[in-house]
Amino acid sequence: MPKEKKTEAVVETKKSTKEKAAKATTKVDKKAPKKLSSVQKLRELENQELEIKIKELKQELFNLRFQAAVGKLENTAQLRKVKKDIARAYTILTERAKASVQG
């Protein structure tokens, strides 16, 4: 008798995990991207605005590095994020410069 109850419980848990997985995939499919990514936001900016944004990001990076040195920086991932945003902005400027030379 106890073995039958165990097997039934195992079957039920397998079914419930499959149902949860099916529900999770349908939830992901229903979500539509509402926010623009940081790259899309940067691409919408003019060259002058992009250069200003780079200066602001560099200042933010300086402040974050200073906080890290002092020991007050709680979220160290911000450093990496800001560095990547600066690199993205420079990449967009370079792409635009190459496009203007070629065409």
Foldseek 3Di string as FASTA:
>chain_A
DVVVVVVVVVVVVVVVVVVVVVVVVVVVVPDDDDDDDLLVVLLVDDLVVLVVVLVVLVVVLVVQVVCVVVVNRDDPVVNVVSVVSNVSSVVSVVVVVVVVVVD
